[in-house]
Amino acid sequence: DLGEPGTARPLAERALAIDEAAYGPDHPDVATRLNNLALIWRDLGEPGTARPLAERALAIGEAAYGPDHPSVGILRANLAVLIREIDHGASTAGGASPEGHQPGRGAEGDPDGGP
């Protein structure tokens, strides 16, 4: 059971708005919130809605940490899963977690919860 992504979505959107206002649109914490929201949209069966959020999270992560940072690799893997789902027309809502996403270790698989 994936919980209640419909209930989680507005909470994640509010967290994103708070972090954008507090830190600015290009802060790594914003990338974390974007990735969280993208994963929620994926769980809701909307990978097309998730993709631009994941793309923005990846761009922020690359700018902050460089393209070879492990957290950036996780963001890249999450985006790859979304692209695969969109290209195949298959939504995996209720299915397996995307590669790199490890429940219980932060939304991006990072034990600190960061991107």
N, C-alpha and C. Protein backbone atom coordinates (compact mmCIF):
# COMPACT_ATOMS: atom_id res chain seq x y z
N ASP A 1 0.84 -1.18 0.00
CA ASP A 1 0.00 0.00 0.00
C ASP A 1 0.88 1.24 0.00
N LEU A 2 0.62 2.13 -0.93
CA LEU A 2 1.41 3.34 -1.06
C LEU A 2 0.90 4.49 -0.21
N GLY A 3 -0.08 4.25 0.60
CA GLY A 3 -0.60 5.32 1.43
C GLY A 3 -1.64 6.12 0.70
N GLU A 4 -1.63 7.43 0.90
CA GLU A 4 -2.65 8.31 0.34
C GLU A 4 -2.00 9.44 -0.46
N PRO A 5 -1.57 9.15 -1.70
CA PRO A 5 -0.90 10.20 -2.47
C PRO A 5 -1.80 11.40 -2.74
N GLY A 6 -3.12 11.18 -2.84
CA GLY A 6 -4.03 12.30 -3.04
C GLY A 6 -4.05 13.25 -1.86
N THR A 7 -3.92 12.71 -0.67
CA THR A 7 -3.85 13.53 0.54
C THR A 7 -2.46 14.17 0.68
N ALA A 8 -1.44 13.45 0.25
CA ALA A 8 -0.06 13.94 0.35
C ALA A 8 0.22 15.09 -0.62
N ARG A 9 -0.43 15.07 -1.78
CA ARG A 9 -0.11 16.06 -2.82
C ARG A 9 -0.22 17.50 -2.35
N PRO A 10 -1.34 17.95 -1.77
CA PRO A 10 -1.39 19.35 -1.35
C PRO A 10 -0.39 19.69 -0.25
N LEU A 11 -0.07 18.72 0.58
CA LEU A 11 0.94 18.96 1.61
C LEU A 11 2.31 19.15 0.98
N ALA A 12 2.63 18.33 -0.01
CA ALA A 12 3.91 18.46 -0.70
C ALA A 12 3.99 19.76 -1.49
N GLU A 13 2.87 20.16 -2.08
CA GLU A 13 2.83 21.43 -2.81
C GLU A 13 3.06 22.61 -1.87
N ARG A 14 2.48 22.53 -0.69
CA ARG A 14 2.68 23.61 0.30
C ARG A 14 4.13 23.64 0.78
N ALA A 15 4.72 22.47 1.02
CA ALA A 15 6.13 22.40 1.43
C ALA A 15 7.04 23.01 0.36
N LEU A 16 6.74 22.73 -0.90
CA LEU A 16 7.50 23.31 -2.00
C LEU A 16 7.39 24.83 -2.00
N ALA A 17 6.18 25.34 -1.85
CA ALA A 17 5.97 26.79 -1.83
C ALA A 17 6.72 27.45 -0.68
N ILE A 18 6.72 26.81 0.48
CA ILE A 18 7.44 27.35 1.64
C ILE A 18 8.93 27.41 1.37
N ASP A 19 9.49 26.31 0.85
CA ASP A 19 10.93 26.28 0.59
C ASP A 19 11.33 27.26 -0.51
N GLU A 20 10.51 27.38 -1.55
CA GLU A 20 10.82 28.35 -2.61
C GLU A 20 10.84 29.77 -2.06
N ALA A 21 9.88 30.08 -1.19
CA ALA A 21 9.82 31.42 -0.60
C ALA A 21 10.98 31.66 0.36
N ALA A 22 11.35 30.64 1.11
CA ALA A 22 12.40 30.80 2.12
C ALA A 22 13.80 30.78 1.52
N TYR A 23 14.04 29.90 0.55
CA TYR A 23 15.40 29.68 0.04
C TYR A 23 15.64 30.16 -1.37
N GLY A 24 14.59 30.43 -2.11
CA GLY A 24 14.73 30.78 -3.52
C GLY A 24 14.49 29.55 -4.39
N PRO A 25 14.24 29.77 -5.68
CA PRO A 25 13.82 28.68 -6.56
C PRO A 25 14.92 27.68 -6.93
N ASP A 26 16.17 28.00 -6.67
CA ASP A 26 17.27 27.14 -7.12
C ASP A 26 18.02 26.47 -5.97
N HIS A 27 17.44 26.44 -4.81
CA HIS A 27 18.08 25.84 -3.64
C HIS A 27 17.93 24.32 -3.67
N PRO A 28 18.93 23.58 -3.21
CA PRO A 28 18.81 22.11 -3.18
C PRO A 28 17.60 21.59 -2.40
N ASP A 29 17.18 22.28 -1.36
CA ASP A 29 15.98 21.84 -0.64
C ASP A 29 14.74 21.91 -1.53
N VAL A 30 14.71 22.88 -2.44
CA VAL A 30 13.61 22.97 -3.40
C VAL A 30 13.64 21.75 -4.32
N ALA A 31 14.83 21.32 -4.71
CA ALA A 31 14.94 20.11 -5.54
C ALA A 31 14.36 18.90 -4.80
N THR A 32 14.60 18.82 -3.51
CA THR A 32 14.04 17.72 -2.72
C THR A 32 12.52 17.76 -2.76
N ARG A 33 11.94 18.94 -2.55
CA ARG A 33 10.49 19.06 -2.56
C ARG A 33 9.91 18.77 -3.94
N LEU A 34 10.60 19.23 -4.99
CA LEU A 34 10.15 18.95 -6.35
C LEU A 34 10.14 17.44 -6.63
N ASN A 35 11.19 16.77 -6.22
CA ASN A 35 11.27 15.33 -6.44
C ASN A 35 10.19 14.61 -5.64
N ASN A 36 9.96 15.03 -4.41
CA ASN A 36 8.88 14.44 -3.61
C ASN A 36 7.54 14.58 -4.32
N LEU A 37 7.27 15.77 -4.82
CA LEU A 37 6.00 16.02 -5.50
C LEU A 37 5.92 15.21 -6.79
N ALA A 38 7.01 15.11 -7.52
CA ALA A 38 7.02 14.30 -8.74
C ALA A 38 6.69 12.84 -8.43
N LEU A 39 7.24 12.32 -7.35
CA LEU A 39 6.96 10.93 -6.98
C LEU A 39 5.49 10.75 -6.59
N ILE A 40 4.92 11.75 -5.95
CA ILE A 40 3.50 11.69 -5.61
C ILE A 40 2.65 11.67 -6.88
N TRP A 41 2.96 12.56 -7.84
CA TRP A 41 2.21 12.56 -9.10
C TRP A 41 2.36 11.23 -9.81
N ARG A 42 3.54 10.64 -9.75
CA ARG A 42 3.75 9.32 -10.35
C ARG A 42 2.84 8.29 -9.68
N ASP A 43 2.79 8.33 -8.35
CA ASP A 43 1.95 7.40 -7.61
C ASP A 43 0.46 7.61 -7.92
N LEU A 44 0.10 8.82 -8.32
CA LEU A 44 -1.27 9.13 -8.71
C LEU A 44 -1.56 8.71 -10.15
N GLY A 45 -0.55 8.13 -10.82
CA GLY A 45 -0.73 7.68 -12.19
C GLY A 45 -0.59 8.78 -13.22
N GLU A 46 0.13 9.84 -12.88
CA GLU A 46 0.30 11.00 -13.74
C GLU A 46 1.78 11.28 -14.02
N PRO A 47 2.48 10.37 -14.69
CA PRO A 47 3.91 10.61 -14.94
C PRO A 47 4.17 11.83 -15.81
N GLY A 48 3.22 12.20 -16.68
CA GLY A 48 3.39 13.39 -17.50
C GLY A 48 3.39 14.67 -16.67
N THR A 49 2.61 14.70 -15.62
CA THR A 49 2.60 15.83 -14.70
C THR A 49 3.86 15.84 -13.85
N ALA A 50 4.35 14.66 -13.53
CA ALA A 50 5.55 14.53 -12.69
C ALA A 50 6.82 14.94 -13.42
N ARG A 51 6.86 14.68 -14.73
CA ARG A 51 8.12 14.87 -15.47
C ARG A 51 8.72 16.28 -15.35
N PRO A 52 7.98 17.37 -15.59
CA PRO A 52 8.63 18.68 -15.48
C PRO A 52 9.15 18.98 -14.07
N LEU A 53 8.48 18.45 -13.07
CA LEU A 53 8.97 18.63 -11.69
C LEU A 53 10.29 17.90 -11.50
N ALA A 54 10.36 16.66 -12.00
CA ALA A 54 11.59 15.88 -11.89
C ALA A 54 12.72 16.51 -12.71
N GLU A 55 12.39 17.06 -13.87
CA GLU A 55 13.41 17.73 -14.69
C GLU A 55 13.97 18.95 -13.97
N ARG A 56 13.10 19.70 -13.35
CA ARG A 56 13.57 20.88 -12.60
C ARG A 56 14.41 20.47 -11.40
N ALA A 57 13.99 19.42 -10.69
CA ALA A 57 14.76 18.93 -9.56
C ALA A 57 16.16 18.51 -10.00
N LEU A 58 16.24 17.81 -11.13
CA LEU A 58 17.54 17.38 -11.64
C LEU A 58 18.41 18.58 -12.01
N ALA A 59 17.83 19.58 -12.67
CA ALA A 59 18.60 20.76 -13.04
C ALA A 59 19.16 21.48 -11.81
N ILE A 60 18.35 21.59 -10.78
CA ILE A 60 18.81 22.24 -9.54
C ILE A 60 19.91 21.40 -8.90
N GLY A 61 19.71 20.09 -8.82
CA GLY A 61 20.71 19.21 -8.23
C GLY A 61 22.04 19.27 -8.97
N GLU A 62 21.99 19.25 -10.29
CA GLU A 62 23.23 19.33 -11.08
C GLU A 62 23.95 20.66 -10.85
N ALA A 63 23.19 21.75 -10.80
CA ALA A 63 23.79 23.07 -10.57
C ALA A 63 24.40 23.16 -9.18
N ALA A 64 23.76 22.55 -8.20
CA ALA A 64 24.24 22.65 -6.82
C ALA A 64 25.39 21.70 -6.52
N TYR A 65 25.33 20.48 -7.06
CA TYR A 65 26.26 19.44 -6.66
C TYR A 65 27.17 18.94 -7.77
N GLY A 66 26.85 19.28 -9.03
CA GLY A 66 27.58 18.75 -10.16
C GLY A 66 26.92 17.49 -10.68
N PRO A 67 27.21 17.12 -11.93
CA PRO A 67 26.50 16.02 -12.57
C PRO A 67 26.84 14.63 -12.03
N ASP A 68 27.94 14.50 -11.30
CA ASP A 68 28.37 13.18 -10.87
C ASP A 68 28.11 12.88 -9.40
N HIS A 69 27.40 13.76 -8.72
CA HIS A 69 27.09 13.55 -7.30
C HIS A 69 26.08 12.41 -7.17
N PRO A 70 26.21 11.56 -6.16
CA PRO A 70 25.27 10.44 -5.99
C PRO A 70 23.81 10.86 -5.88
N SER A 71 23.54 11.95 -5.23
CA SER A 71 22.15 12.41 -5.12
C SER A 71 21.59 12.84 -6.47
N VAL A 72 22.45 13.39 -7.31
CA VAL A 72 22.04 13.76 -8.66
C VAL A 72 21.74 12.49 -9.46
N GLY A 73 22.50 11.44 -9.22
CA GLY A 73 22.22 10.17 -9.88
C GLY A 73 20.84 9.64 -9.53
N ILE A 74 20.43 9.80 -8.30
CA ILE A 74 19.10 9.36 -7.87
C ILE A 74 18.02 10.19 -8.57
N LEU A 75 18.22 11.51 -8.63
CA LEU A 75 17.26 12.36 -9.33
C LEU A 75 17.17 11.97 -10.80
N ARG A 76 18.33 11.67 -11.40
CA ARG A 76 18.37 11.27 -12.81
C ARG A 76 17.62 9.94 -13.02
N ALA A 77 17.82 9.00 -12.11
CA ALA A 77 17.14 7.70 -12.21
C ALA A 77 15.63 7.86 -12.07
N ASN A 78 15.19 8.71 -11.15
CA ASN A 78 13.76 8.94 -10.99
C ASN A 78 13.16 9.54 -12.25
N LEU A 79 13.87 10.49 -12.88
CA LEU A 79 13.40 11.08 -14.12
C LEU A 79 13.36 10.03 -15.23
N ALA A 80 14.35 9.17 -15.28
CA ALA A 80 14.39 8.13 -16.31
C ALA A 80 13.17 7.21 -16.19
N VAL A 81 12.78 6.88 -14.99
CA VAL A 81 11.60 6.03 -14.79
C VAL A 81 10.36 6.74 -15.32
N LEU A 82 10.22 8.02 -15.04
CA LEU A 82 9.07 8.77 -15.54
C LEU A 82 9.04 8.80 -17.06
N ILE A 83 10.19 9.05 -17.66
CA ILE A 83 10.27 9.09 -19.12
C ILE A 83 9.91 7.74 -19.71
N ARG A 84 10.40 6.68 -19.10
CA ARG A 84 10.08 5.33 -19.57
C ARG A 84 8.57 5.08 -19.49
N GLU A 85 7.96 5.48 -18.39
CA GLU A 85 6.52 5.27 -18.23
C GLU A 85 5.73 6.08 -19.24
N ILE A 86 6.15 7.30 -19.49
CA ILE A 86 5.45 8.14 -20.47
C ILE A 86 5.62 7.55 -21.86
N ASP A 87 6.84 7.17 -22.21
CA ASP A 87 7.12 6.63 -23.54
C ASP A 87 6.38 5.32 -23.78
N HIS A 88 6.20 4.53 -22.76
CA HIS A 88 5.52 3.25 -22.90
C HIS A 88 4.02 3.37 -22.66
N GLY A 89 3.60 4.57 -22.26
CA GLY A 89 2.17 4.77 -22.01
C GLY A 89 1.65 3.97 -20.84
N ALA A 90 2.57 3.53 -19.98
CA ALA A 90 2.17 2.69 -18.86
C ALA A 90 2.37 3.45 -17.56
N SER A 91 1.32 3.59 -16.81
CA SER A 91 1.40 4.17 -15.48
C SER A 91 1.57 3.03 -14.49
N THR A 92 2.47 3.22 -13.53
CA THR A 92 2.68 2.18 -12.53
C THR A 92 2.17 2.62 -11.16
N ALA A 93 1.14 3.41 -11.15
CA ALA A 93 0.57 3.81 -9.86
C ALA A 93 0.24 2.56 -9.08
N GLY A 94 0.73 2.51 -7.87
CA GLY A 94 0.52 1.34 -7.03
C GLY A 94 1.55 0.26 -7.29
N GLY A 95 2.52 0.54 -8.17
CA GLY A 95 3.54 -0.45 -8.50
C GLY A 95 4.81 -0.23 -7.72
N ALA A 96 5.89 -0.73 -8.27
CA ALA A 96 7.19 -0.69 -7.62
C ALA A 96 7.71 0.74 -7.58
N SER A 97 8.59 1.01 -6.64
CA SER A 97 9.24 2.30 -6.54
C SER A 97 10.22 2.47 -7.69
N PRO A 98 10.45 3.74 -8.11
CA PRO A 98 11.43 3.96 -9.17
C PRO A 98 12.82 3.59 -8.68
N GLU A 99 13.68 3.26 -9.61
CA GLU A 99 15.06 2.97 -9.24
C GLU A 99 15.61 4.17 -8.49
N GLY A 100 16.36 3.92 -7.45
CA GLY A 100 16.95 4.99 -6.67
C GLY A 100 16.08 5.45 -5.52
N HIS A 101 14.79 5.20 -5.57
CA HIS A 101 13.92 5.64 -4.49
C HIS A 101 13.82 4.50 -3.48
N GLN A 102 14.28 4.79 -2.26
CA GLN A 102 14.26 3.78 -1.22
C GLN A 102 13.39 4.28 -0.08
N PRO A 103 12.18 3.74 0.04
CA PRO A 103 11.28 4.21 1.10
C PRO A 103 11.96 4.15 2.46
N GLY A 104 11.70 5.17 3.25
CA GLY A 104 12.27 5.20 4.59
C GLY A 104 13.66 5.80 4.65
N ARG A 105 14.22 6.23 3.52
CA ARG A 105 15.56 6.79 3.51
C ARG A 105 15.55 8.18 2.90
N GLY A 106 14.45 8.90 3.00
CA GLY A 106 14.34 10.19 2.34
C GLY A 106 13.72 9.98 0.97
N ALA A 107 13.06 10.96 0.47
CA ALA A 107 12.32 10.81 -0.78
C ALA A 107 13.22 10.47 -1.94
N GLU A 108 14.48 10.87 -1.90
CA GLU A 108 15.37 10.64 -3.02
C GLU A 108 16.31 9.47 -2.79
N GLY A 109 16.12 8.73 -1.71
CA GLY A 109 17.02 7.62 -1.41
C GLY A 109 18.21 8.06 -0.59
N ASP A 110 18.32 9.35 -0.28
CA ASP A 110 19.42 9.87 0.50
C ASP A 110 19.07 9.74 1.98
N PRO A 111 19.96 9.15 2.79
CA PRO A 111 19.62 8.97 4.20
C PRO A 111 19.36 10.28 4.93
N ASP A 112 19.86 11.41 4.40
CA ASP A 112 19.61 12.70 5.00
C ASP A 112 18.37 13.37 4.44
N GLY A 113 17.74 12.75 3.44
CA GLY A 113 16.55 13.32 2.83
C GLY A 113 16.83 14.38 1.81
N GLY A 114 18.08 14.64 1.48
CA GLY A 114 18.44 15.67 0.52
C GLY A 114 18.56 15.10 -0.87
N PRO A 115 18.63 16.02 -1.86
CA PRO A 115 18.74 15.54 -3.24
C PRO A 115 20.08 14.94 -3.54
